[in-house]
Amino acid sequence: MADKDWGQGAVNNDVNWGKARFVSSLILPNAYGWGGIYEKTWTGDTNIIGVGKELQQENADYYVYILEQEGGNYLRDRIAGEFWLNDVNRNFYFWNNATNRAIPTGSKSFYGTADTGWISITGGGDGSNWWGCGMYVGTPGLVYSVSSSYKFHIAFRVQQRVPRTEKFTLGVGGSGDTVGEITIASTQSGLSADYTFEWGTSEWHSIEIPFSLLQSRGMLTGQPHMYNQNYLYFKGDAGSAANLEVDATFWYRES
């Protein structure tokens, strides 16, 4: 079977690492990530070209929350933690004024190889109260160990701006129900935040959060492990709103 060009992803890292393109002799079903089961088996050769340093680390331990099938294929033997949703002990919940949102027609994933498989939500639709949603783990729990050499990679997109306060909080869970929180706002809002990106475009934007920052905000790792708690969440204050898409979410260790 001839290689297929799966297009390019709009990858905006701090450094422009080029266009994302996967080629494979056999494409597996897109079942990796949001609401699906990752197919651990892989057939044929899977290569990655110009995606960026975040997937190029050799002998690195990846703890994966959201990622398309081809990205999972490429990382295959380097995934140390399977944190993606399985609708059994790892579920996605909406709280107070947040709802699931259909992925806009024609959209592609962060790495450009899938048209499903990432989170798409509307938060603060009526603007009258706070909103929130996130990944919750029951039992058995999740165990991971990250340190100063790790970074938390996450990609966002807001294709349609909502004319309200454009800011939300990201929470990354740690052991013993600890959490590290950072704030993210649109560049157009002029609001103070830890990170900003442009809202209202069809392009994905990624950020990389150092372990040290989340640790300084209260996140701990090690024992006891994460169970019966939220391990990744998004929330906004009253008056805030976002049609938010989230993809390519994982811890990785620089070689």
Protein backbone atom coordinates (compact mmCIF):
# COMPACT_ATOMS: atom_id res chain seq x y z
CA MET A 1 0.00 0.00 0.00
CA ALA A 2 1.40 3.39 -0.90
CA ASP A 3 2.09 5.97 1.77
CA LYS A 4 -0.64 8.54 2.24
CA ASP A 5 -0.06 12.21 2.90
CA TRP A 6 -2.29 13.02 5.86
CA GLY A 7 -1.92 16.75 5.48
CA GLN A 8 -0.46 19.28 7.85
CA GLY A 9 -1.37 20.35 11.34
CA ALA A 10 -1.34 23.98 12.37
CA VAL A 11 1.38 23.52 14.95
CA ASN A 12 2.30 26.65 16.86
CA ASN A 13 4.97 25.88 19.45
CA ASP A 14 7.31 28.45 20.96
CA VAL A 15 9.63 27.50 18.14
CA ASN A 16 8.23 26.77 14.69
CA TRP A 17 9.16 23.13 14.23
CA GLY A 18 7.52 22.85 10.86
CA LYS A 19 4.48 21.14 9.43
CA ALA A 20 3.04 18.00 10.92
CA ARG A 21 2.74 15.00 8.64
CA PHE A 22 2.33 11.32 9.42
CA VAL A 23 2.79 8.61 6.81
CA SER A 24 1.87 5.00 7.40
CA SER A 25 1.53 1.83 5.39
CA LEU A 26 -1.64 0.99 7.32
CA ILE A 27 -3.83 3.43 9.19
CA LEU A 28 -5.54 1.99 12.26
CA PRO A 29 -9.00 3.18 13.36
CA ASN A 30 -8.98 6.57 15.04
CA ALA A 31 -9.87 5.22 18.46
CA TYR A 32 -7.18 6.89 20.55
CA GLY A 33 -8.12 9.59 22.99
CA TRP A 34 -11.43 11.28 23.72
CA GLY A 35 -14.15 8.73 24.34
CA GLY A 36 -12.29 5.83 22.77
CA ILE A 37 -9.92 2.95 23.35
CA TYR A 38 -6.33 3.08 22.17
CA GLU A 39 -5.39 0.24 19.84
CA LYS A 40 -2.01 -0.80 21.19
CA THR A 41 -1.22 -2.99 18.19
CA TRP A 42 0.28 -1.38 15.12
CA THR A 43 0.89 -2.75 11.65
CA GLY A 44 3.33 -1.46 9.11
CA ASP A 45 5.74 1.44 9.37
CA THR A 46 4.73 4.67 11.02
CA ASN A 47 7.00 7.65 10.66
CA ILE A 48 6.67 11.26 11.68
CA ILE A 49 8.10 14.21 9.84
CA GLY A 50 8.62 17.66 11.27
CA VAL A 51 6.06 17.41 14.06
CA GLY A 52 8.25 18.97 16.72
CA LYS A 53 10.58 18.12 19.53
CA GLU A 54 7.72 17.11 21.87
CA LEU A 55 7.31 13.74 20.10
CA GLN A 56 10.94 13.26 19.16
CA GLN A 57 12.38 12.40 22.57
CA GLU A 58 14.14 9.05 22.63
CA ASN A 59 13.90 6.84 25.73
CA ALA A 60 11.33 9.27 27.13
CA ASP A 61 8.41 8.35 29.34
CA TYR A 62 5.13 9.76 28.03
CA TYR A 63 2.00 10.01 30.17
CA VAL A 64 -0.75 10.48 27.61
CA TYR A 65 -4.16 12.10 28.26
CA ILE A 66 -5.35 13.00 24.73
CA LEU A 67 -3.65 12.10 21.46
CA GLU A 68 -4.74 10.86 18.05
CA GLN A 69 -4.13 7.29 16.91
CA GLU A 70 -1.17 8.04 14.69
CA GLY A 71 0.58 9.94 17.48
CA GLY A 72 0.03 6.96 19.75
CA ASN A 73 1.42 4.64 17.10
CA TYR A 74 4.52 6.76 16.82
CA LEU A 75 5.11 6.84 20.57
CA ARG A 76 4.10 3.18 21.03
CA ASP A 77 6.97 1.82 23.21
CA ARG A 78 7.56 5.14 24.98
CA ILE A 79 4.15 5.46 26.67
CA ALA A 80 4.63 4.93 30.40
CA GLY A 81 1.15 6.00 31.51
CA GLU A 82 -2.20 5.39 29.81
CA PHE A 83 -4.22 8.36 31.09
CA TRP A 84 -6.71 8.57 28.20
CA LEU A 85 -10.44 8.18 28.88
CA ASN A 86 -11.91 4.69 28.85
CA ASP A 87 -15.44 5.31 30.22
CA VAL A 88 -14.76 2.74 32.96
CA ASN A 89 -12.51 4.16 35.65
CA ARG A 90 -11.51 7.28 33.68
CA ASN A 91 -14.46 9.46 32.68
CA PHE A 92 -15.17 13.00 31.55
CA TYR A 93 -17.67 15.02 33.58
CA PHE A 94 -19.35 18.37 33.06
CA TRP A 95 -20.14 20.62 36.01
CA ASN A 96 -22.34 23.65 36.22
CA ASN A 97 -22.88 25.54 33.00
CA ALA A 98 -20.54 23.50 30.76
CA THR A 99 -21.65 21.20 27.95
CA ASN A 100 -20.28 18.98 25.22
CA ARG A 101 -19.89 20.76 21.89
CA ALA A 102 -19.91 19.20 18.43
CA ILE A 103 -16.58 19.42 16.65
CA PRO A 104 -16.93 22.01 13.87
CA THR A 105 -17.27 20.48 10.41
CA GLY A 106 -13.98 20.20 8.56
CA SER A 107 -11.85 20.40 11.69
CA LYS A 108 -8.64 18.42 12.04
CA SER A 109 -6.71 17.34 15.09
CA PHE A 110 -3.61 19.16 16.36
CA TYR A 111 -1.29 16.93 14.34
CA GLY A 112 -3.61 16.96 11.35
CA THR A 113 -4.30 13.23 11.00
CA ALA A 114 -7.80 12.85 12.45
CA ASP A 115 -11.21 14.51 12.33
CA THR A 116 -12.33 13.17 15.74
CA GLY A 117 -10.69 12.23 19.01
CA TRP A 118 -10.24 15.45 20.96
CA ILE A 119 -12.26 17.36 23.57
CA SER A 120 -14.67 20.06 22.41
CA ILE A 121 -16.72 21.93 25.01
CA THR A 122 -18.74 25.08 25.60
CA GLY A 123 -18.19 26.67 28.97
CA GLY A 124 -20.22 29.53 30.38
CA GLY A 125 -22.86 29.49 27.69
CA ASP A 126 -25.28 31.70 29.62
CA GLY A 127 -22.62 33.74 31.42
CA SER A 128 -24.53 33.69 34.70
CA ASN A 129 -22.37 31.35 36.75
CA TRP A 130 -19.06 29.52 36.89
CA TRP A 131 -18.43 26.52 34.62
CA GLY A 132 -16.18 23.51 34.68
CA CYS A 133 -15.45 20.05 33.31
CA GLY A 134 -12.71 17.50 33.43
CA MET A 135 -11.25 14.02 33.53
CA TYR A 136 -11.98 11.99 36.65
CA VAL A 137 -10.26 8.77 37.74
CA GLY A 138 -11.82 6.25 40.11
CA THR A 139 -10.15 2.97 40.98
CA PRO A 140 -7.79 1.54 40.02
CA GLY A 141 -5.95 4.82 40.09
CA LEU A 142 -3.10 6.33 38.09
CA VAL A 143 0.54 6.35 39.12
CA TYR A 144 3.17 8.59 37.60
CA SER A 145 6.46 10.11 38.56
CA VAL A 146 7.60 13.32 36.92
CA SER A 147 10.41 15.65 37.89
CA SER A 148 12.22 18.79 36.75
CA SER A 149 13.06 17.31 33.33
CA TYR A 150 9.36 16.92 32.42
CA LYS A 151 7.03 19.26 30.58
CA PHE A 152 3.25 19.19 30.25
CA HIS A 153 2.26 19.68 26.60
CA ILE A 154 -1.30 20.73 25.77
CA ALA A 155 -2.92 22.22 22.67
CA PHE A 156 -5.91 24.58 22.54
CA ARG A 157 -8.14 26.09 19.92
CA VAL A 158 -11.06 28.52 20.09
CA GLN A 159 -12.44 28.87 16.57
CA GLN A 160 -15.40 31.03 17.54
CA ARG A 161 -14.97 33.80 20.08
CA VAL A 162 -17.69 34.51 22.63
CA PRO A 163 -18.03 38.21 23.51
CA ARG A 164 -17.42 37.73 27.23
CA THR A 165 -14.40 37.48 29.50
CA GLU A 166 -11.92 35.27 27.61
CA LYS A 167 -10.05 33.49 30.36
CA PHE A 168 -10.14 30.06 32.01
CA THR A 169 -8.19 27.96 34.52
CA LEU A 170 -6.41 24.69 33.75
CA GLY A 171 -5.90 22.23 36.60
CA VAL A 172 -3.43 19.33 36.42
CA GLY A 173 -3.96 16.74 39.13
CA GLY A 174 -1.29 15.14 41.24
CA SER A 175 -1.10 12.43 43.86
CA GLY A 176 -3.22 12.62 46.98
CA ASP A 177 -5.80 14.90 45.30
CA THR A 178 -3.28 17.72 44.92
CA VAL A 179 -3.50 20.01 41.92
CA GLY A 180 -1.50 22.68 40.13
CA GLU A 181 -3.53 25.43 38.48
CA ILE A 182 -2.58 27.95 35.80
CA THR A 183 -4.62 30.59 34.00
CA ILE A 184 -4.98 30.95 30.23
CA ALA A 185 -6.49 33.90 28.37
CA SER A 186 -6.95 35.16 24.84
CA THR A 187 -4.29 37.53 23.57
CA GLN A 188 -7.10 39.90 22.54
CA SER A 189 -8.52 40.17 26.06
CA GLY A 190 -5.59 42.01 27.61
CA LEU A 191 -6.18 40.01 30.79
CA SER A 192 -3.35 38.92 33.05
CA ALA A 193 -2.70 35.17 32.80
CA ASP A 194 0.09 32.61 32.95
CA TYR A 195 -0.30 31.82 29.23
CA THR A 196 -2.14 33.41 26.33
CA PHE A 197 -3.06 32.36 22.80
CA GLU A 198 -5.12 33.88 19.99
CA TRP A 199 -8.82 33.04 20.09
CA GLY A 200 -11.06 33.06 17.03
CA THR A 201 -8.93 31.20 14.47
CA SER A 202 -8.91 27.69 13.04
CA GLU A 203 -5.31 27.14 14.13
CA TRP A 204 -4.22 25.08 17.12
CA HIS A 205 -1.88 26.64 19.66
CA SER A 206 0.22 24.61 22.08
CA ILE A 207 1.89 25.47 25.36
CA GLU A 208 4.44 23.58 27.42
CA ILE A 209 4.21 23.95 31.19
CA PRO A 210 7.34 23.10 33.22
CA PHE A 211 6.86 20.62 36.03
CA SER A 212 8.37 23.17 38.41
CA LEU A 213 5.55 25.65 37.76
CA LEU A 214 2.78 23.14 38.47
CA GLN A 215 4.70 21.90 41.50
CA SER A 216 4.94 25.47 42.82
CA ARG A 217 1.14 25.71 42.50
CA GLY A 218 0.60 22.63 44.68
CA MET A 219 0.78 19.56 42.44
CA LEU A 220 2.60 16.56 43.96
CA THR A 221 3.62 13.24 42.39
CA GLY A 222 4.55 9.85 43.73
CA GLN A 223 2.63 7.87 46.35
CA PRO A 224 -0.20 7.80 47.13
CA HIS A 225 -1.30 7.69 43.52
CA MET A 226 -4.24 9.48 41.89
CA TYR A 227 -7.66 7.91 42.49
CA ASN A 228 -11.20 9.20 43.13
CA GLN A 229 -10.19 12.65 41.94
CA ASN A 230 -10.06 14.98 38.95
CA TYR A 231 -6.76 14.62 37.16
CA LEU A 232 -7.27 17.21 34.40
CA TYR A 233 -9.90 19.95 34.41
CA PHE A 234 -10.96 23.29 32.96
CA LYS A 235 -13.07 25.93 34.70
CA GLY A 236 -14.10 29.54 34.32
CA ASP A 237 -15.51 32.18 36.63
CA ALA A 238 -18.96 33.72 36.27
CA GLY A 239 -19.05 35.87 33.17
CA SER A 240 -16.32 33.89 31.39
CA ALA A 241 -17.06 31.87 28.28
CA ALA A 242 -15.25 29.69 25.77
CA ASN A 243 -15.95 27.34 22.87
CA LEU A 244 -12.85 25.39 23.74
CA GLU A 245 -11.10 22.50 21.97
CA VAL A 246 -8.28 20.55 23.64
CA ASP A 247 -5.87 18.05 22.08
CA ALA A 248 -2.29 16.68 22.23
CA THR A 249 -2.14 16.51 26.02
CA PHE A 250 0.71 14.59 27.64
CA TRP A 251 3.69 14.74 29.98
CA TYR A 252 7.04 14.08 28.35
CA ARG A 253 10.64 14.00 29.49
CA GLU A 254 13.35 15.65 27.44
CA SER A 255 16.07 13.17 26.60
